[in-house]
Amino acid sequence: MNYPPWLDPYDAEPFVAFSTSHIVTMIIIAALLVLLFIFRHQLRSRSARTRRKMRIGLAGFMVSCEIVLQCWYMYGEIWSLQTSLPLELCSLSLLLSALLLLTRSRWLYSALIFSGIAGALMAIVTPNLGYDFAHFRFIQFFVAHAMIILALLYMTWIEQLRPGWRSVAGSMIFVNIAALLVYIVDVALGANYMFLRHKPSTPSVIDMLGPYPIYILGEEVLALILFSLLYVLFFAIPERLRRISGKQEEQPRIQSKS
């Protein structure tokens, strides 16, 4: 079968880490996150009905990212139980983040806020990807992972859900429960979802964590460190600074009355 070059699952330009296309893509994703932060107050001021429509639209787009991927697998006749089920951590995070947008579940938010962001960031920086720009898989891969981060930060900055140290624990629990369930599927199908049975074929951070199964323990430690750093750098410290700034702003008003 003759496939268009941008859909061909067999004969495509191989992905090269930190190539021009990769770096430009990361810059675009970073710019989108900055824009979401800049316009967070304007988005937050929208009516509850408008924000609900926005969440539904984002959730629908995220689910469609997985649907078109499954359609491409079937179109290219490469769909299989061993490689195509949405059982990678980021695939689970994508679908559950869409559910979070629809339900505004605080439990789901705690489970995903750090595992989703950290996992998507690692995937964006060190992709397990065999297709370069402008192949469909390249675009779908980065759009899907960017949407995970955008959705979780949308729930944080616009819907104003706030994580705590319990969210770090919640994300760790989620990752381990997901890994246990996926490992059972891996054994049953002879698959390697979440790389629980061997390392990926492309270079990744896992290569620095030792041989199998030692790297799985290394991933546990790395996940805990990353989740804690995300909380401290992006939530705990800014919240502390806001409180200090608030006290400093109030102090002159108190003194002026004396």
C-alpha atoms as a PDB file:
ATOM      1  CA  MET A   1       0.000   0.000   0.000  1.00  0.00           C
ATOM      2  CA  ASN A   2       1.259   3.467  -0.909  1.00  0.00           C
ATOM      3  CA  TYR A   3       1.043   5.888   2.003  1.00  0.00           C
ATOM      4  CA  PRO A   4       1.420   9.677   1.856  1.00  0.00           C
ATOM      5  CA  PRO A   5       4.854  10.592   3.319  1.00  0.00           C
ATOM      6  CA  TRP A   6       3.307  12.307   6.344  1.00  0.00           C
ATOM      7  CA  LEU A   7       1.290   9.175   7.214  1.00  0.00           C
ATOM      8  CA  ASP A   8       3.727   6.439   6.203  1.00  0.00           C
ATOM      9  CA  PRO A   9       4.370   4.163   9.227  1.00  0.00           C
ATOM     10  CA  TYR A  10       7.352   2.452   7.593  1.00  0.00           C
ATOM     11  CA  ASP A  11       9.413   4.876   5.510  1.00  0.00           C
ATOM     12  CA  ALA A  12       9.679   8.209   7.315  1.00  0.00           C
ATOM     13  CA  GLU A  13      12.413  10.571   8.404  1.00  0.00           C
ATOM     14  CA  PRO A  14      13.739   9.306  11.752  1.00  0.00           C
ATOM     15  CA  PHE A  15      13.375  11.561  14.766  1.00  0.00           C
ATOM     16  CA  VAL A  16      16.552  13.267  15.954  1.00  0.00           C
ATOM     17  CA  ALA A  17      16.631  14.517  19.531  1.00  0.00           C
ATOM     18  CA  PHE A  18      17.333  18.245  19.897  1.00  0.00           C
ATOM     19  CA  SER A  19      17.164  18.791  16.156  1.00  0.00           C
ATOM     20  CA  THR A  20      15.784  22.087  14.887  1.00  0.00           C
ATOM     21  CA  SER A  21      12.241  20.676  14.681  1.00  0.00           C
ATOM     22  CA  HIS A  22      12.473  19.295  18.216  1.00  0.00           C
ATOM     23  CA  ILE A  23      13.799  22.531  19.721  1.00  0.00           C
ATOM     24  CA  VAL A  24      11.255  24.693  17.862  1.00  0.00           C
ATOM     25  CA  THR A  25       8.459  22.413  19.064  1.00  0.00           C
ATOM     26  CA  MET A  26       9.609  22.730  22.683  1.00  0.00           C
ATOM     27  CA  ILE A  27       9.754  26.524  22.317  1.00  0.00           C
ATOM     28  CA  ILE A  28       6.184  26.590  20.948  1.00  0.00           C
ATOM     29  CA  ILE A  29       4.938  24.458  23.849  1.00  0.00           C
ATOM     30  CA  ALA A  30       6.730  26.692  26.366  1.00  0.00           C
ATOM     31  CA  ALA A  31       5.194  29.767  24.714  1.00  0.00           C
ATOM     32  CA  LEU A  32       1.697  28.276  25.012  1.00  0.00           C
ATOM     33  CA  LEU A  33       2.244  27.639  28.728  1.00  0.00           C
ATOM     34  CA  VAL A  34       3.454  31.210  29.217  1.00  0.00           C
ATOM     35  CA  LEU A  35       0.410  32.569  27.371  1.00  0.00           C
ATOM     36  CA  LEU A  36      -1.909  30.468  29.529  1.00  0.00           C
ATOM     37  CA  PHE A  37      -0.254  31.933  32.617  1.00  0.00           C
ATOM     38  CA  ILE A  38      -0.377  35.519  31.298  1.00  0.00           C
ATOM     39  CA  PHE A  39      -4.077  35.317  30.441  1.00  0.00           C
ATOM     40  CA  ARG A  40      -5.091  33.275  33.482  1.00  0.00           C
ATOM     41  CA  HIS A  41      -6.967  36.192  35.105  1.00  0.00           C
ATOM     42  CA  GLN A  42      -8.941  36.937  31.944  1.00  0.00           C
ATOM     43  CA  LEU A  43      -9.877  33.278  31.553  1.00  0.00           C
ATOM     44  CA  ARG A  44     -10.722  32.980  35.240  1.00  0.00           C
ATOM     45  CA  SER A  45     -13.075  35.982  35.005  1.00  0.00           C
ATOM     46  CA  ARG A  46     -15.241  34.234  32.416  1.00  0.00           C
ATOM     47  CA  SER A  47     -18.618  32.945  33.535  1.00  0.00           C
ATOM     48  CA  ALA A  48     -18.895  29.420  34.933  1.00  0.00           C
ATOM     49  CA  ARG A  49     -20.843  28.403  31.818  1.00  0.00           C
ATOM     50  CA  THR A  50     -18.120  29.692  29.483  1.00  0.00           C
ATOM     51  CA  ARG A  51     -15.375  27.969  31.476  1.00  0.00           C
ATOM     52  CA  ARG A  52     -17.366  24.747  31.385  1.00  0.00           C
ATOM     53  CA  LYS A  53     -17.585  24.964  27.597  1.00  0.00           C
ATOM     54  CA  MET A  54     -13.845  25.562  27.465  1.00  0.00           C
ATOM     55  CA  ARG A  55     -13.189  22.496  29.616  1.00  0.00           C
ATOM     56  CA  ILE A  56     -15.486  20.369  27.464  1.00  0.00           C
ATOM     57  CA  GLY A  57     -13.739  21.597  24.318  1.00  0.00           C
ATOM     58  CA  LEU A  58     -10.291  20.864  25.737  1.00  0.00           C
ATOM     59  CA  ALA A  59     -11.384  17.423  26.944  1.00  0.00           C
ATOM     60  CA  GLY A  60     -12.881  16.587  23.549  1.00  0.00           C
ATOM     61  CA  PHE A  61      -9.693  17.662  21.790  1.00  0.00           C
ATOM     62  CA  MET A  62      -7.582  15.530  24.129  1.00  0.00           C
ATOM     63  CA  VAL A  63      -9.704  12.432  23.560  1.00  0.00           C
ATOM     64  CA  SER A  64      -9.566  13.073  19.809  1.00  0.00           C
ATOM     65  CA  CYS A  65      -5.742  13.000  20.036  1.00  0.00           C
ATOM     66  CA  GLU A  66      -5.952   9.383  21.166  1.00  0.00           C
ATOM     67  CA  ILE A  67      -8.711   8.500  18.697  1.00  0.00           C
ATOM     68  CA  VAL A  68      -6.791   9.755  15.654  1.00  0.00           C
ATOM     69  CA  LEU A  69      -3.711   7.865  16.863  1.00  0.00           C
ATOM     70  CA  GLN A  70      -5.692   4.628  17.035  1.00  0.00           C
ATOM     71  CA  CYS A  71      -7.116   5.340  13.577  1.00  0.00           C
ATOM     72  CA  TRP A  72      -3.584   5.858  12.231  1.00  0.00           C
ATOM     73  CA  TYR A  73      -2.457   2.550  13.727  1.00  0.00           C
ATOM     74  CA  MET A  74      -5.300   0.790  11.909  1.00  0.00           C
ATOM     75  CA  TYR A  75      -4.801   2.780   8.691  1.00  0.00           C
ATOM     76  CA  GLY A  76      -1.132   1.809   8.646  1.00  0.00           C
ATOM     77  CA  GLU A  77      -2.000  -1.794   9.557  1.00  0.00           C
ATOM     78  CA  ILE A  78       0.329  -1.641  12.560  1.00  0.00           C
ATOM     79  CA  TRP A  79      -2.276  -1.832  15.339  1.00  0.00           C
ATOM     80  CA  SER A  80      -1.584  -4.591  17.856  1.00  0.00           C
ATOM     81  CA  LEU A  81      -2.469  -5.504  21.408  1.00  0.00           C
ATOM     82  CA  GLN A  82       1.216  -5.436  22.323  1.00  0.00           C
ATOM     83  CA  THR A  83       1.935  -1.851  21.257  1.00  0.00           C
ATOM     84  CA  SER A  84      -1.239   0.136  20.518  1.00  0.00           C
ATOM     85  CA  LEU A  85      -3.373   0.131  23.660  1.00  0.00           C
ATOM     86  CA  PRO A  86      -3.432   3.462  25.570  1.00  0.00           C
ATOM     87  CA  LEU A  87      -1.509   2.007  28.499  1.00  0.00           C
ATOM     88  CA  GLU A  88       1.596   4.183  28.549  1.00  0.00           C
ATOM     89  CA  LEU A  89       1.703   6.585  31.492  1.00  0.00           C
ATOM     90  CA  CYS A  90       1.190   9.615  29.246  1.00  0.00           C
ATOM     91  CA  SER A  91      -1.694   7.951  27.389  1.00  0.00           C
ATOM     92  CA  LEU A  92      -3.379   7.272  30.721  1.00  0.00           C
ATOM     93  CA  SER A  93      -2.621  10.820  31.860  1.00  0.00           C
ATOM     94  CA  LEU A  94      -4.074  12.232  28.630  1.00  0.00           C
ATOM     95  CA  LEU A  95      -7.401  10.438  28.990  1.00  0.00           C
ATOM     96  CA  LEU A  96      -7.658  10.958  32.750  1.00  0.00           C
ATOM     97  CA  SER A  97      -6.788  14.664  32.372  1.00  0.00           C
ATOM     98  CA  ALA A  98      -9.680  14.934  29.920  1.00  0.00           C
ATOM     99  CA  LEU A  99     -11.892  13.303  32.553  1.00  0.00           C
ATOM    100  CA  LEU A 100     -10.553  15.758  35.136  1.00  0.00           C
ATOM    101  CA  LEU A 101     -11.595  18.692  32.939  1.00  0.00           C
ATOM    102  CA  LEU A 102     -15.117  17.301  32.831  1.00  0.00           C
ATOM    103  CA  THR A 103     -15.473  16.338  36.497  1.00  0.00           C
ATOM    104  CA  ARG A 104     -13.184  18.803  38.334  1.00  0.00           C
ATOM    105  CA  SER A 105     -12.409  15.903  40.688  1.00  0.00           C
ATOM    106  CA  ARG A 106      -9.958  16.951  43.400  1.00  0.00           C
ATOM    107  CA  TRP A 107      -8.882  13.351  43.896  1.00  0.00           C
ATOM    108  CA  LEU A 108      -8.110  12.980  40.205  1.00  0.00           C
ATOM    109  CA  TYR A 109      -6.298  16.330  40.233  1.00  0.00           C
ATOM    110  CA  SER A 110      -4.038  15.181  43.083  1.00  0.00           C
ATOM    111  CA  ALA A 111      -3.304  11.930  41.263  1.00  0.00           C
ATOM    112  CA  LEU A 112      -2.375  13.655  37.998  1.00  0.00           C
ATOM    113  CA  ILE A 113      -0.941  17.095  38.740  1.00  0.00           C
ATOM    114  CA  PHE A 114       2.642  15.940  39.233  1.00  0.00           C
ATOM    115  CA  SER A 115       2.662  12.549  37.505  1.00  0.00           C
ATOM    116  CA  GLY A 116       1.050  14.040  34.407  1.00  0.00           C
ATOM    117  CA  ILE A 117       3.228  17.129  34.178  1.00  0.00           C
ATOM    118  CA  ALA A 118       6.495  15.338  34.992  1.00  0.00           C
ATOM    119  CA  GLY A 119       5.749  12.448  32.649  1.00  0.00           C
ATOM    120  CA  ALA A 120       4.745  14.720  29.767  1.00  0.00           C
ATOM    121  CA  LEU A 121       7.783  16.965  30.279  1.00  0.00           C
ATOM    122  CA  MET A 122      10.148  13.999  30.220  1.00  0.00           C
ATOM    123  CA  ALA A 123       8.460  12.693  27.076  1.00  0.00           C
ATOM    124  CA  ILE A 124       8.716  16.081  25.370  1.00  0.00           C
ATOM    125  CA  VAL A 125      12.400  16.489  26.214  1.00  0.00           C
ATOM    126  CA  THR A 126      13.419  12.855  25.552  1.00  0.00           C
ATOM    127  CA  PRO A 127      10.760  11.420  23.200  1.00  0.00           C
ATOM    128  CA  ASN A 128      10.470   7.704  22.481  1.00  0.00           C
ATOM    129  CA  LEU A 129       9.568   8.577  18.899  1.00  0.00           C
ATOM    130  CA  GLY A 130      10.561   7.298  15.467  1.00  0.00           C
ATOM    131  CA  TYR A 131       9.131  10.040  13.244  1.00  0.00           C
ATOM    132  CA  ASP A 132      10.381  13.553  12.582  1.00  0.00           C
ATOM    133  CA  PHE A 133       8.484  16.693  11.549  1.00  0.00           C
ATOM    134  CA  ALA A 134       6.116  16.952   9.692  1.00  0.00           C
ATOM    135  CA  HIS A 135       4.973  13.377  10.064  1.00  0.00           C
ATOM    136  CA  PHE A 136       1.538  12.853  11.612  1.00  0.00           C
ATOM    137  CA  ARG A 137       3.009  10.900  14.526  1.00  0.00           C
ATOM    138  CA  PHE A 138       5.447  13.697  15.367  1.00  0.00           C
ATOM    139  CA  ILE A 139       2.647  16.269  15.481  1.00  0.00           C
ATOM    140  CA  GLN A 140       0.242  13.999  17.377  1.00  0.00           C
ATOM    141  CA  PHE A 141       2.907  13.036  19.899  1.00  0.00           C
ATOM    142  CA  PHE A 142       3.851  16.569  20.889  1.00  0.00           C
ATOM    143  CA  VAL A 143       0.296  17.941  20.752  1.00  0.00           C
ATOM    144  CA  ALA A 144      -0.971  15.168  23.045  1.00  0.00           C
ATOM    145  CA  HIS A 145       1.816  15.626  25.587  1.00  0.00           C
ATOM    146  CA  ALA A 146       1.496  19.410  25.541  1.00  0.00           C
ATOM    147  CA  MET A 147      -2.252  19.068  26.147  1.00  0.00           C
ATOM    148  CA  ILE A 148      -1.626  17.071  29.324  1.00  0.00           C
ATOM    149  CA  ILE A 149       0.406  19.932  30.793  1.00  0.00           C
ATOM    150  CA  LEU A 150      -1.979  22.619  29.525  1.00  0.00           C
ATOM    151  CA  ALA A 151      -5.009  20.822  30.957  1.00  0.00           C
ATOM    152  CA  LEU A 152      -3.453  20.345  34.395  1.00  0.00           C
ATOM    153  CA  LEU A 153      -2.218  23.944  34.551  1.00  0.00           C
ATOM    154  CA  TYR A 154      -5.610  25.149  33.333  1.00  0.00           C
ATOM    155  CA  MET A 155      -7.198  23.397  36.309  1.00  0.00           C
ATOM    156  CA  THR A 156      -4.579  25.020  38.546  1.00  0.00           C
ATOM    157  CA  TRP A 157      -4.474  28.586  37.202  1.00  0.00           C
ATOM    158  CA  ILE A 158      -8.039  29.056  35.990  1.00  0.00           C
ATOM    159  CA  GLU A 159     -10.142  26.605  38.010  1.00  0.00           C
ATOM    160  CA  GLN A 160      -7.893  27.307  41.013  1.00  0.00           C
ATOM    161  CA  LEU A 161      -7.388  23.777  42.287  1.00  0.00           C
ATOM    162  CA  ARG A 162      -4.279  23.763  44.475  1.00  0.00           C
ATOM    163  CA  PRO A 163      -1.877  20.884  45.166  1.00  0.00           C
ATOM    164  CA  GLY A 164      -0.179  20.140  48.471  1.00  0.00           C
ATOM    165  CA  TRP A 165       2.251  17.575  49.759  1.00  0.00           C
ATOM    166  CA  ARG A 166      -0.636  15.117  49.714  1.00  0.00           C
ATOM    167  CA  SER A 167      -0.754  15.627  45.950  1.00  0.00           C
ATOM    168  CA  VAL A 168       2.861  14.435  45.733  1.00  0.00           C
ATOM    169  CA  ALA A 169       1.803  11.301  47.597  1.00  0.00           C
ATOM    170  CA  GLY A 170      -1.328  11.017  45.452  1.00  0.00           C
ATOM    171  CA  SER A 171       0.713  11.159  42.255  1.00  0.00           C
ATOM    172  CA  MET A 172       3.121   8.523  43.567  1.00  0.00           C
ATOM    173  CA  ILE A 173       0.226   6.247  44.513  1.00  0.00           C
ATOM    174  CA  PHE A 174      -1.380   6.728  41.106  1.00  0.00           C
ATOM    175  CA  VAL A 175       1.846   5.906  39.252  1.00  0.00           C
ATOM    176  CA  ASN A 176       2.419   2.738  41.274  1.00  0.00           C
ATOM    177  CA  ILE A 177      -1.156   1.473  40.971  1.00  0.00           C
ATOM    178  CA  ALA A 178      -1.078   2.178  37.235  1.00  0.00           C
ATOM    179  CA  ALA A 179       2.279   0.400  36.911  1.00  0.00           C
ATOM    180  CA  LEU A 180       1.008  -2.663  38.777  1.00  0.00           C
ATOM    181  CA  LEU A 181      -2.095  -2.969  36.616  1.00  0.00           C
ATOM    182  CA  VAL A 182      -0.166  -2.330  33.399  1.00  0.00           C
ATOM    183  CA  TYR A 183       2.506  -4.870  34.367  1.00  0.00           C
ATOM    184  CA  ILE A 184      -0.204  -7.518  34.698  1.00  0.00           C
ATOM    185  CA  VAL A 185      -1.373  -6.639  31.175  1.00  0.00           C
ATOM    186  CA  ASP A 186       2.249  -6.682  29.940  1.00  0.00           C
ATOM    187  CA  VAL A 187       2.775 -10.213  31.226  1.00  0.00           C
ATOM    188  CA  ALA A 188      -0.552 -11.409  29.848  1.00  0.00           C
ATOM    189  CA  LEU A 189       0.028  -9.943  26.377  1.00  0.00           C
ATOM    190  CA  GLY A 190       3.810 -10.218  26.148  1.00  0.00           C
ATOM    191  CA  ALA A 191       3.916  -6.426  25.876  1.00  0.00           C
ATOM    192  CA  ASN A 192       6.126  -3.710  27.342  1.00  0.00           C
ATOM    193  CA  TYR A 193       3.812  -0.836  28.176  1.00  0.00           C
ATOM    194  CA  MET A 194       5.391   1.733  30.514  1.00  0.00           C
ATOM    195  CA  PHE A 195       8.719  -0.071  29.815  1.00  0.00           C
ATOM    196  CA  LEU A 196       8.103  -2.353  32.769  1.00  0.00           C
ATOM    197  CA  ARG A 197       9.758  -5.395  31.158  1.00  0.00           C
ATOM    198  CA  HIS A 198      12.691  -3.819  29.326  1.00  0.00           C
ATOM    199  CA  LYS A 199      14.080  -0.443  28.247  1.00  0.00           C
ATOM    200  CA  PRO A 200      12.812   1.453  25.181  1.00  0.00           C
ATOM    201  CA  SER A 201      14.737   1.001  21.959  1.00  0.00           C
ATOM    202  CA  THR A 202      15.463   4.744  21.658  1.00  0.00           C
ATOM    203  CA  PRO A 203      17.725   6.753  24.022  1.00  0.00           C
ATOM    204  CA  SER A 204      15.953   8.020  27.135  1.00  0.00           C
ATOM    205  CA  VAL A 205      16.503   9.014  30.750  1.00  0.00           C
ATOM    206  CA  ILE A 206      15.975   5.368  31.691  1.00  0.00           C
ATOM    207  CA  ASP A 207      19.397   4.580  30.230  1.00  0.00           C
ATOM    208  CA  MET A 208      20.990   6.420  33.165  1.00  0.00           C
ATOM    209  CA  LEU A 209      19.099   4.425  35.785  1.00  0.00           C
ATOM    210  CA  GLY A 210      20.801   1.064  35.426  1.00  0.00           C
ATOM    211  CA  PRO A 211      19.832  -2.335  33.974  1.00  0.00           C
ATOM    212  CA  TYR A 212      16.474  -4.083  34.299  1.00  0.00           C
ATOM    213  CA  PRO A 213      14.885  -4.258  36.847  1.00  0.00           C
ATOM    214  CA  ILE A 214      17.067  -1.771  38.750  1.00  0.00           C
ATOM    215  CA  TYR A 215      15.938   1.097  36.549  1.00  0.00           C
ATOM    216  CA  ILE A 216      12.361   0.645  37.767  1.00  0.00           C
ATOM    217  CA  LEU A 217      13.496   1.436  41.316  1.00  0.00           C
ATOM    218  CA  GLY A 218      15.470   4.342  39.879  1.00  0.00           C
ATOM    219  CA  GLU A 219      12.293   5.598  38.223  1.00  0.00           C
ATOM    220  CA  GLU A 220      10.541   5.509  41.596  1.00  0.00           C
ATOM    221  CA  VAL A 221      13.235   7.670  43.172  1.00  0.00           C
ATOM    222  CA  LEU A 222      13.358   9.996  40.159  1.00  0.00           C
ATOM    223  CA  ALA A 223       9.578  10.373  40.198  1.00  0.00           C
ATOM    224  CA  LEU A 224       9.544  11.283  43.888  1.00  0.00           C
ATOM    225  CA  ILE A 225      12.314  13.841  43.362  1.00  0.00           C
ATOM    226  CA  LEU A 226      10.625  15.369  40.306  1.00  0.00           C
ATOM    227  CA  PHE A 227       7.183  15.529  41.934  1.00  0.00           C
ATOM    228  CA  SER A 228       8.653  17.158  45.054  1.00  0.00           C
ATOM    229  CA  LEU A 229      10.670  19.661  43.006  1.00  0.00           C
ATOM    230  CA  LEU A 230       7.619  20.585  40.944  1.00  0.00           C
ATOM    231  CA  TYR A 231       5.634  21.214  44.096  1.00  0.00           C
ATOM    232  CA  VAL A 232       8.352  23.240  45.838  1.00  0.00           C
ATOM    233  CA  LEU A 233       9.424  25.331  42.836  1.00  0.00           C
ATOM    234  CA  PHE A 234       6.060  26.029  41.239  1.00  0.00           C
ATOM    235  CA  PHE A 235       3.639  25.963  44.161  1.00  0.00           C
ATOM    236  CA  ALA A 236       5.177  26.061  47.654  1.00  0.00           C
ATOM    237  CA  ILE A 237       7.734  28.833  47.025  1.00  0.00           C
ATOM    238  CA  PRO A 238       5.381  31.093  44.971  1.00  0.00           C
ATOM    239  CA  GLU A 239       2.663  30.684  47.614  1.00  0.00           C
ATOM    240  CA  ARG A 240       5.145  31.601  50.335  1.00  0.00           C
ATOM    241  CA  LEU A 241       6.278  34.667  48.379  1.00  0.00           C
ATOM    242  CA  ARG A 242       2.666  35.755  47.870  1.00  0.00           C
ATOM    243  CA  ARG A 243       2.018  35.540  51.595  1.00  0.00           C
ATOM    244  CA  ILE A 244       5.144  37.559  52.409  1.00  0.00           C
ATOM    245  CA  SER A 245       4.250  40.135  49.771  1.00  0.00           C
ATOM    246  CA  GLY A 246       0.724  40.367  51.137  1.00  0.00           C
ATOM    247  CA  LYS A 247       2.032  41.047  54.649  1.00  0.00           C
ATOM    248  CA  GLN A 248       4.417  43.695  53.365  1.00  0.00           C
ATOM    249  CA  GLU A 249       1.606  45.425  51.493  1.00  0.00           C
ATOM    250  CA  GLU A 250      -0.641  45.420  54.550  1.00  0.00           C
ATOM    251  CA  GLN A 251       2.005  46.752  56.939  1.00  0.00           C
ATOM    252  CA  PRO A 252       2.104  50.392  55.685  1.00  0.00           C
ATOM    253  CA  ARG A 253      -1.685  50.630  55.941  1.00  0.00           C
ATOM    254  CA  ILE A 254      -1.591  49.516  59.557  1.00  0.00           C
ATOM    255  CA  GLN A 255       1.170  52.000  60.387  1.00  0.00           C
ATOM    256  CA  SER A 256      -0.634  54.906  58.727  1.00  0.00           C
ATOM    257  CA  LYS A 257      -3.522  54.581  61.163  1.00  0.00           C
ATOM    258  CA  SER A 258      -1.341  54.928  64.252  1.00  0.00           C
END
